Amino acid sequence: MEHVASSPDLLVIPSGPNGKALKSALNDDDVQEVGSDGGMYFAQDRVTVTEGRMADPARTDQMVATEEAARLSGWHLGQTVRFGGYSLAQASQSDFQPLTAEPSTHFSAKLVGLVVFSSQIVDDDVDRFPTDVVLTPALTRRLNKSAAYPTYGLRLDGGSSAVSSVEREIIAALPPGSTYSFHLTSVVESQVERATKPEAIALGVFILANLAAVVPGRMAARTPTALVLRAE
């Protein structure tokens, strides 16, 4: 294994001037806020900026989003958005309601860029949602109590020849009864490179383990744990 990065789902919701969650943000599960650890989306499996610029990974007041995420959220480039963050302990309570619960933390982030993920080029239409808002590594560290269900990015030093053995090891490590599926993106590598010109993406594999959790509204967008294997 050459490097492991991750992108946790963050239990955060856009909020109004009163600090309470916006009701409009809970109407669907199409948009999710994710973080970055170990350089995910910044140094590894980088997103491609289509408008504006990439967020500074050392800043806690910047973010980027897909064009669809910005449109669905009603945001424009350069807008500063208020958020409320909820801890895993809060979200685990049976009576948890984001519209009435007091966020454990408040913060604001400016939308500095619109981005495209390489997976957006190769995903089927059914995989378009949820679409993402990416918060910086610095802000992810600040929101560590709100982090859940990470997507792991594995960069293999053995190249594509190591993928099968890593898959077997991951399957063997899953709890008994877990369900999983593999989503291969390497078959359209040339299409991705023509469309987004990433540095290099030889293989992407998504393994979904059946981890159940009930969190209201847009927080419930992605419940599985996902692992992305990248061979170079």
C-alpha atoms as a PDB file:
ATOM      1  CA  MET A   1       0.000   0.000   0.000  1.00  0.00           C
ATOM      2  CA  GLU A   2       1.513   3.290  -1.089  1.00  0.00           C
ATOM      3  CA  HIS A   3      -0.953   5.679   0.518  1.00  0.00           C
ATOM      4  CA  VAL A   4      -4.377   5.733   2.169  1.00  0.00           C
ATOM      5  CA  ALA A   5      -6.611   8.794   2.181  1.00  0.00           C
ATOM      6  CA  SER A   6     -10.219   9.155   3.226  1.00  0.00           C
ATOM      7  CA  SER A   7     -13.271  11.338   2.848  1.00  0.00           C
ATOM      8  CA  PRO A   8     -15.769  11.113   5.704  1.00  0.00           C
ATOM      9  CA  ASP A   9     -19.364  12.187   5.446  1.00  0.00           C
ATOM     10  CA  LEU A  10     -19.836  15.189   7.708  1.00  0.00           C
ATOM     11  CA  LEU A  11     -22.989  15.597   9.776  1.00  0.00           C
ATOM     12  CA  VAL A  12     -23.439  19.261   8.921  1.00  0.00           C
ATOM     13  CA  ILE A  13     -26.417  21.189   7.560  1.00  0.00           C
ATOM     14  CA  PRO A  14     -26.698  24.725   6.149  1.00  0.00           C
ATOM     15  CA  SER A  15     -28.231  26.995   8.773  1.00  0.00           C
ATOM     16  CA  GLY A  16     -30.017  30.320   8.936  1.00  0.00           C
ATOM     17  CA  PRO A  17     -29.096  33.503  10.809  1.00  0.00           C
ATOM     18  CA  ASN A  18     -30.562  32.012  13.998  1.00  0.00           C
ATOM     19  CA  GLY A  19     -28.142  29.091  13.836  1.00  0.00           C
ATOM     20  CA  LYS A  20     -30.889  26.531  13.220  1.00  0.00           C
ATOM     21  CA  ALA A  21     -30.870  24.124  10.292  1.00  0.00           C
ATOM     22  CA  LEU A  22     -32.622  25.372   7.170  1.00  0.00           C
ATOM     23  CA  LYS A  23     -35.755  23.370   6.455  1.00  0.00           C
ATOM     24  CA  SER A  24     -35.025  23.582   2.728  1.00  0.00           C
ATOM     25  CA  ALA A  25     -31.777  21.661   3.280  1.00  0.00           C
ATOM     26  CA  LEU A  26     -33.667  18.629   4.607  1.00  0.00           C
ATOM     27  CA  ASN A  27     -36.058  18.157   1.715  1.00  0.00           C
ATOM     28  CA  ASP A  28     -33.931  15.616  -0.164  1.00  0.00           C
ATOM     29  CA  ASP A  29     -30.813  13.487   0.025  1.00  0.00           C
ATOM     30  CA  ASP A  30     -29.254  14.755  -3.200  1.00  0.00           C
ATOM     31  CA  VAL A  31     -26.476  16.848  -1.613  1.00  0.00           C
ATOM     32  CA  GLN A  32     -23.956  15.746   0.990  1.00  0.00           C
ATOM     33  CA  GLU A  33     -21.033  17.475   2.652  1.00  0.00           C
ATOM     34  CA  VAL A  34     -17.829  15.455   2.785  1.00  0.00           C
ATOM     35  CA  GLY A  35     -14.408  16.099   4.275  1.00  0.00           C
ATOM     36  CA  SER A  36     -10.840  15.243   3.379  1.00  0.00           C
ATOM     37  CA  ASP A  37      -8.176  13.384   5.325  1.00  0.00           C
ATOM     38  CA  GLY A  38      -4.772  12.367   3.992  1.00  0.00           C
ATOM     39  CA  GLY A  39      -5.198  14.582   0.932  1.00  0.00           C
ATOM     40  CA  MET A  40      -8.339  12.944  -0.483  1.00  0.00           C
ATOM     41  CA  TYR A  41      -9.611  15.013  -3.446  1.00  0.00           C
ATOM     42  CA  PHE A  42      -6.800  17.532  -2.897  1.00  0.00           C
ATOM     43  CA  ALA A  43      -3.581  15.546  -3.431  1.00  0.00           C
ATOM     44  CA  GLN A  44      -5.044  12.130  -4.217  1.00  0.00           C
ATOM     45  CA  ASP A  45      -7.909  11.444  -6.644  1.00  0.00           C
ATOM     46  CA  ARG A  46      -8.037  15.171  -7.215  1.00  0.00           C
ATOM     47  CA  VAL A  47     -11.203  16.874  -8.322  1.00  0.00           C
ATOM     48  CA  THR A  48     -11.014  19.085 -11.406  1.00  0.00           C
ATOM     49  CA  VAL A  49     -11.931  22.757 -11.009  1.00  0.00           C
ATOM     50  CA  THR A  50     -14.267  23.969 -13.758  1.00  0.00           C
ATOM     51  CA  GLU A  51     -14.936  27.444 -12.374  1.00  0.00           C
ATOM     52  CA  GLY A  52     -13.272  29.492  -9.642  1.00  0.00           C
ATOM     53  CA  ARG A  53     -10.379  27.834  -7.813  1.00  0.00           C
ATOM     54  CA  MET A  54      -9.588  24.957  -5.505  1.00  0.00           C
ATOM     55  CA  ALA A  55     -10.045  25.512  -1.786  1.00  0.00           C
ATOM     56  CA  ASP A  56      -6.899  26.054   0.261  1.00  0.00           C
ATOM     57  CA  PRO A  57      -6.478  22.808   2.267  1.00  0.00           C
ATOM     58  CA  ALA A  58      -5.087  24.769   5.223  1.00  0.00           C
ATOM     59  CA  ARG A  59      -8.120  27.072   5.487  1.00  0.00           C
ATOM     60  CA  THR A  60     -11.202  26.310   7.586  1.00  0.00           C
ATOM     61  CA  ASP A  61     -13.431  28.837   5.818  1.00  0.00           C
ATOM     62  CA  GLN A  62     -13.413  27.558   2.225  1.00  0.00           C
ATOM     63  CA  MET A  63     -15.155  24.803   0.275  1.00  0.00           C
ATOM     64  CA  VAL A  64     -15.801  23.578  -3.249  1.00  0.00           C
ATOM     65  CA  ALA A  65     -18.835  21.827  -4.688  1.00  0.00           C
ATOM     66  CA  THR A  66     -20.088  20.208  -7.834  1.00  0.00           C
ATOM     67  CA  GLU A  67     -22.180  22.416 -10.068  1.00  0.00           C
ATOM     68  CA  GLU A  68     -25.246  20.322  -9.260  1.00  0.00           C
ATOM     69  CA  ALA A  69     -24.652  20.555  -5.520  1.00  0.00           C
ATOM     70  CA  ALA A  70     -24.385  24.342  -5.745  1.00  0.00           C
ATOM     71  CA  ARG A  71     -27.496  24.582  -7.911  1.00  0.00           C
ATOM     72  CA  LEU A  72     -29.590  22.331  -5.672  1.00  0.00           C
ATOM     73  CA  SER A  73     -28.437  24.243  -2.598  1.00  0.00           C
ATOM     74  CA  GLY A  74     -29.153  27.636  -4.194  1.00  0.00           C
ATOM     75  CA  TRP A  75     -25.543  28.811  -3.846  1.00  0.00           C
ATOM     76  CA  HIS A  76     -23.446  30.947  -6.166  1.00  0.00           C
ATOM     77  CA  LEU A  77     -19.693  31.092  -6.541  1.00  0.00           C
ATOM     78  CA  GLY A  78     -18.195  33.379  -3.918  1.00  0.00           C
ATOM     79  CA  GLN A  79     -21.085  32.947  -1.479  1.00  0.00           C
ATOM     80  CA  THR A  80     -20.382  32.324   2.206  1.00  0.00           C
ATOM     81  CA  VAL A  81     -22.660  29.683   3.704  1.00  0.00           C
ATOM     82  CA  ARG A  82     -23.429  29.139   7.374  1.00  0.00           C
ATOM     83  CA  PHE A  83     -23.499  25.597   8.716  1.00  0.00           C
ATOM     84  CA  GLY A  84     -24.397  23.807  11.898  1.00  0.00           C
ATOM     85  CA  GLY A  85     -22.488  20.671  12.784  1.00  0.00           C
ATOM     86  CA  TYR A  86     -23.886  17.764  14.792  1.00  0.00           C
ATOM     87  CA  SER A  87     -21.859  15.184  16.672  1.00  0.00           C
ATOM     88  CA  LEU A  88     -22.215  11.455  16.156  1.00  0.00           C
ATOM     89  CA  ALA A  89     -23.457  11.241  19.742  1.00  0.00           C
ATOM     90  CA  GLN A  90     -26.300  13.643  18.920  1.00  0.00           C
ATOM     91  CA  ALA A  91     -27.229  11.884  15.694  1.00  0.00           C
ATOM     92  CA  SER A  92     -27.322   8.512  17.452  1.00  0.00           C
ATOM     93  CA  GLN A  93     -30.099   9.596  19.789  1.00  0.00           C
ATOM     94  CA  SER A  94     -33.501   8.148  18.907  1.00  0.00           C
ATOM     95  CA  ASP A  95     -35.215  11.530  19.218  1.00  0.00           C
ATOM     96  CA  PHE A  96     -32.649  13.475  17.197  1.00  0.00           C
ATOM     97  CA  GLN A  97     -34.226  16.082  14.898  1.00  0.00           C
ATOM     98  CA  PRO A  98     -31.861  18.467  13.052  1.00  0.00           C
ATOM     99  CA  LEU A  99     -34.550  21.138  12.709  1.00  0.00           C
ATOM    100  CA  THR A 100     -34.904  21.473  16.471  1.00  0.00           C
ATOM    101  CA  ALA A 101     -31.584  20.211  17.845  1.00  0.00           C
ATOM    102  CA  GLU A 102     -28.902  22.723  18.779  1.00  0.00           C
ATOM    103  CA  PRO A 103     -25.800  22.152  16.637  1.00  0.00           C
ATOM    104  CA  SER A 104     -22.678  21.221  18.561  1.00  0.00           C
ATOM    105  CA  THR A 105     -20.653  23.633  16.437  1.00  0.00           C
ATOM    106  CA  HIS A 106     -21.200  26.497  14.018  1.00  0.00           C
ATOM    107  CA  PHE A 107     -18.999  27.564  11.121  1.00  0.00           C
ATOM    108  CA  SER A 108     -19.088  29.343   7.769  1.00  0.00           C
ATOM    109  CA  ALA A 109     -17.372  28.450   4.502  1.00  0.00           C
ATOM    110  CA  LYS A 110     -17.038  30.332   1.239  1.00  0.00           C
ATOM    111  CA  LEU A 111     -17.750  28.539  -2.028  1.00  0.00           C
ATOM    112  CA  VAL A 112     -14.534  29.256  -3.935  1.00  0.00           C
ATOM    113  CA  GLY A 113     -14.812  26.730  -6.762  1.00  0.00           C
ATOM    114  CA  LEU A 114     -17.033  24.410  -8.766  1.00  0.00           C
ATOM    115  CA  VAL A 115     -15.511  21.003  -9.373  1.00  0.00           C
ATOM    116  CA  VAL A 116     -15.972  17.728 -11.216  1.00  0.00           C
ATOM    117  CA  PHE A 117     -15.106  14.327  -9.757  1.00  0.00           C
ATOM    118  CA  SER A 118     -13.582  11.800 -12.112  1.00  0.00           C
ATOM    119  CA  SER A 119     -16.337   9.391 -11.093  1.00  0.00           C
ATOM    120  CA  GLN A 120     -18.931  11.826 -12.457  1.00  0.00           C
ATOM    121  CA  ILE A 121     -17.720  11.081 -15.966  1.00  0.00           C
ATOM    122  CA  VAL A 122     -18.038   7.328 -15.654  1.00  0.00           C
ATOM    123  CA  ASP A 123     -21.024   6.903 -13.323  1.00  0.00           C
ATOM    124  CA  ASP A 124     -24.399   5.905 -14.650  1.00  0.00           C
ATOM    125  CA  ASP A 125     -27.220   8.414 -14.211  1.00  0.00           C
ATOM    126  CA  VAL A 126     -28.478   6.387 -11.250  1.00  0.00           C
ATOM    127  CA  ASP A 127     -25.161   7.125  -9.497  1.00  0.00           C
ATOM    128  CA  ARG A 128     -25.291  10.904  -9.970  1.00  0.00           C
ATOM    129  CA  PHE A 129     -26.724  11.491  -6.522  1.00  0.00           C
ATOM    130  CA  PRO A 130     -25.863  12.231  -3.842  1.00  0.00           C
ATOM    131  CA  THR A 131     -23.573  14.921  -5.206  1.00  0.00           C
ATOM    132  CA  ASP A 132     -20.888  16.476  -3.078  1.00  0.00           C
ATOM    133  CA  VAL A 133     -19.735  19.581  -1.274  1.00  0.00           C
ATOM    134  CA  VAL A 134     -16.072  19.152  -0.283  1.00  0.00           C
ATOM    135  CA  LEU A 135     -14.749  20.777   2.877  1.00  0.00           C
ATOM    136  CA  THR A 136     -11.029  21.266   3.422  1.00  0.00           C
ATOM    137  CA  PRO A 137      -8.695  18.986   5.405  1.00  0.00           C
ATOM    138  CA  ALA A 138      -8.267  21.740   8.012  1.00  0.00           C
ATOM    139  CA  LEU A 139     -12.027  22.062   8.461  1.00  0.00           C
ATOM    140  CA  THR A 140     -12.423  18.265   8.491  1.00  0.00           C
ATOM    141  CA  ARG A 141     -10.059  18.073  11.458  1.00  0.00           C
ATOM    142  CA  ARG A 142     -12.085  20.735  13.240  1.00  0.00           C
ATOM    143  CA  LEU A 143     -15.270  18.754  12.612  1.00  0.00           C
ATOM    144  CA  ASN A 144     -13.870  15.395  13.711  1.00  0.00           C
ATOM    145  CA  LYS A 145     -16.818  14.752  16.049  1.00  0.00           C
ATOM    146  CA  SER A 146     -19.172  15.100  13.084  1.00  0.00           C
ATOM    147  CA  ALA A 147     -17.314  12.671  10.792  1.00  0.00           C
ATOM    148  CA  ALA A 148     -18.901   9.360   9.793  1.00  0.00           C
ATOM    149  CA  TYR A 149     -18.977   6.723   7.043  1.00  0.00           C
ATOM    150  CA  PRO A 150     -15.637   7.468   5.378  1.00  0.00           C
ATOM    151  CA  THR A 151     -14.750   6.727   1.789  1.00  0.00           C
ATOM    152  CA  TYR A 152     -11.205   5.308   1.766  1.00  0.00           C
ATOM    153  CA  GLY A 153      -8.859   5.889  -1.140  1.00  0.00           C
ATOM    154  CA  LEU A 154      -6.155   3.216  -1.431  1.00  0.00           C
ATOM    155  CA  ARG A 155      -3.208   3.901  -3.735  1.00  0.00           C
ATOM    156  CA  LEU A 156      -1.447   0.629  -4.446  1.00  0.00           C
ATOM    157  CA  ASP A 157       2.296   0.428  -4.982  1.00  0.00           C
ATOM    158  CA  GLY A 158       1.922  -2.921  -6.739  1.00  0.00           C
ATOM    159  CA  GLY A 159       0.007  -1.468  -9.668  1.00  0.00           C
ATOM    160  CA  SER A 160      -3.113  -3.047 -11.131  1.00  0.00           C
ATOM    161  CA  SER A 161      -1.694  -6.537 -10.549  1.00  0.00           C
ATOM    162  CA  ALA A 162      -2.248  -6.044  -6.810  1.00  0.00           C
ATOM    163  CA  VAL A 163      -5.938  -5.146  -7.067  1.00  0.00           C
ATOM    164  CA  SER A 164      -7.318  -8.678  -6.922  1.00  0.00           C
ATOM    165  CA  SER A 165      -5.349  -9.612  -3.828  1.00  0.00           C
ATOM    166  CA  VAL A 166      -6.370  -6.384  -2.070  1.00  0.00           C
ATOM    167  CA  GLU A 167     -10.002  -7.054  -2.937  1.00  0.00           C
ATOM    168  CA  ARG A 168      -9.759 -10.524  -1.396  1.00  0.00           C
ATOM    169  CA  GLU A 169      -8.147  -9.134   1.749  1.00  0.00           C
ATOM    170  CA  ILE A 170     -10.882  -6.523   2.151  1.00  0.00           C
ATOM    171  CA  ILE A 171     -13.653  -9.090   1.648  1.00  0.00           C
ATOM    172  CA  ALA A 172     -12.045 -11.373   4.226  1.00  0.00           C
ATOM    173  CA  ALA A 173     -11.869  -8.497   6.714  1.00  0.00           C
ATOM    174  CA  LEU A 174     -15.560  -7.569   6.408  1.00  0.00           C
ATOM    175  CA  PRO A 175     -17.845  -8.694   9.237  1.00  0.00           C
ATOM    176  CA  PRO A 176     -19.815 -11.895   8.563  1.00  0.00           C
ATOM    177  CA  GLY A 177     -23.027 -11.164   6.717  1.00  0.00           C
ATOM    178  CA  SER A 178     -21.795  -7.919   5.183  1.00  0.00           C
ATOM    179  CA  THR A 179     -22.905  -7.140   1.653  1.00  0.00           C
ATOM    180  CA  TYR A 180     -20.623  -5.488  -0.868  1.00  0.00           C
ATOM    181  CA  SER A 181     -20.289  -4.699  -4.545  1.00  0.00           C
ATOM    182  CA  PHE A 182     -17.423  -3.674  -6.816  1.00  0.00           C
ATOM    183  CA  HIS A 183     -17.689  -0.694  -9.109  1.00  0.00           C
ATOM    184  CA  LEU A 184     -14.946  -0.662 -11.736  1.00  0.00           C
ATOM    185  CA  THR A 185     -14.106   2.628 -13.433  1.00  0.00           C
ATOM    186  CA  SER A 186     -10.893   1.662 -15.222  1.00  0.00           C
ATOM    187  CA  VAL A 187     -12.730   0.482 -18.336  1.00  0.00           C
ATOM    188  CA  VAL A 188     -13.291   4.091 -19.328  1.00  0.00           C
ATOM    189  CA  GLU A 189      -9.998   5.551 -18.177  1.00  0.00           C
ATOM    190  CA  SER A 190      -9.375   7.223 -21.515  1.00  0.00           C
ATOM    191  CA  GLN A 191     -12.807   8.872 -21.368  1.00  0.00           C
ATOM    192  CA  VAL A 192     -12.052  10.258 -17.913  1.00  0.00           C
ATOM    193  CA  GLU A 193      -8.665  11.591 -18.963  1.00  0.00           C
ATOM    194  CA  ARG A 194     -10.088  13.311 -22.042  1.00  0.00           C
ATOM    195  CA  ALA A 195     -12.876  14.910 -20.017  1.00  0.00           C
ATOM    196  CA  THR A 196     -11.100  15.932 -16.824  1.00  0.00           C
ATOM    197  CA  LYS A 197      -7.368  15.326 -17.447  1.00  0.00           C
ATOM    198  CA  PRO A 198      -6.629  13.862 -14.008  1.00  0.00           C
ATOM    199  CA  GLU A 199      -3.045  12.971 -13.182  1.00  0.00           C
ATOM    200  CA  ALA A 200      -3.653   9.230 -13.394  1.00  0.00           C
ATOM    201  CA  ILE A 201      -6.530   6.945 -12.589  1.00  0.00           C
ATOM    202  CA  ALA A 202      -5.945   3.321 -13.486  1.00  0.00           C
ATOM    203  CA  LEU A 203      -8.600   1.623 -11.425  1.00  0.00           C
ATOM    204  CA  GLY A 204     -11.399   2.538  -9.110  1.00  0.00           C
ATOM    205  CA  VAL A 205     -13.189  -0.030  -6.987  1.00  0.00           C
ATOM    206  CA  PHE A 206     -16.038   0.758  -4.621  1.00  0.00           C
ATOM    207  CA  ILE A 207     -16.850  -1.777  -1.934  1.00  0.00           C
ATOM    208  CA  LEU A 208     -20.039  -1.105  -0.026  1.00  0.00           C
ATOM    209  CA  ALA A 209     -20.435  -2.731   3.343  1.00  0.00           C
ATOM    210  CA  ASN A 210     -23.916  -2.845   4.784  1.00  0.00           C
ATOM    211  CA  LEU A 211     -23.575  -0.588   7.830  1.00  0.00           C
ATOM    212  CA  ALA A 212     -27.005   0.497   9.016  1.00  0.00           C
ATOM    213  CA  ALA A 213     -27.664   3.911  10.500  1.00  0.00           C
ATOM    214  CA  VAL A 214     -30.694   6.172  10.678  1.00  0.00           C
ATOM    215  CA  VAL A 215     -29.990   9.892  10.404  1.00  0.00           C
ATOM    216  CA  PRO A 216     -32.757  12.239   9.223  1.00  0.00           C
ATOM    217  CA  GLY A 217     -32.773  14.176   5.981  1.00  0.00           C
ATOM    218  CA  ARG A 218     -29.704  14.889   3.906  1.00  0.00           C
ATOM    219  CA  MET A 219     -27.446  13.358   6.574  1.00  0.00           C
ATOM    220  CA  ALA A 220     -28.642   9.895   5.536  1.00  0.00           C
ATOM    221  CA  ALA A 221     -27.352  10.217   1.997  1.00  0.00           C
ATOM    222  CA  ARG A 222     -24.525   7.692   2.246  1.00  0.00           C
ATOM    223  CA  THR A 223     -24.681   4.985   4.892  1.00  0.00           C
ATOM    224  CA  PRO A 224     -22.205   2.420   3.539  1.00  0.00           C
ATOM    225  CA  THR A 225     -18.471   2.513   4.004  1.00  0.00           C
ATOM    226  CA  ALA A 226     -16.810   2.874   0.607  1.00  0.00           C
ATOM    227  CA  LEU A 227     -13.260   2.039  -0.392  1.00  0.00           C
ATOM    228  CA  VAL A 228     -11.699   3.289  -3.611  1.00  0.00           C
ATOM    229  CA  LEU A 229      -8.670   1.378  -4.855  1.00  0.00           C
ATOM    230  CA  ARG A 230      -6.349   3.314  -7.100  1.00  0.00           C
ATOM    231  CA  ALA A 231      -3.480   1.570  -8.885  1.00  0.00           C
ATOM    232  CA  GLU A 232      -0.783   3.538 -10.702  1.00  0.00           C
END
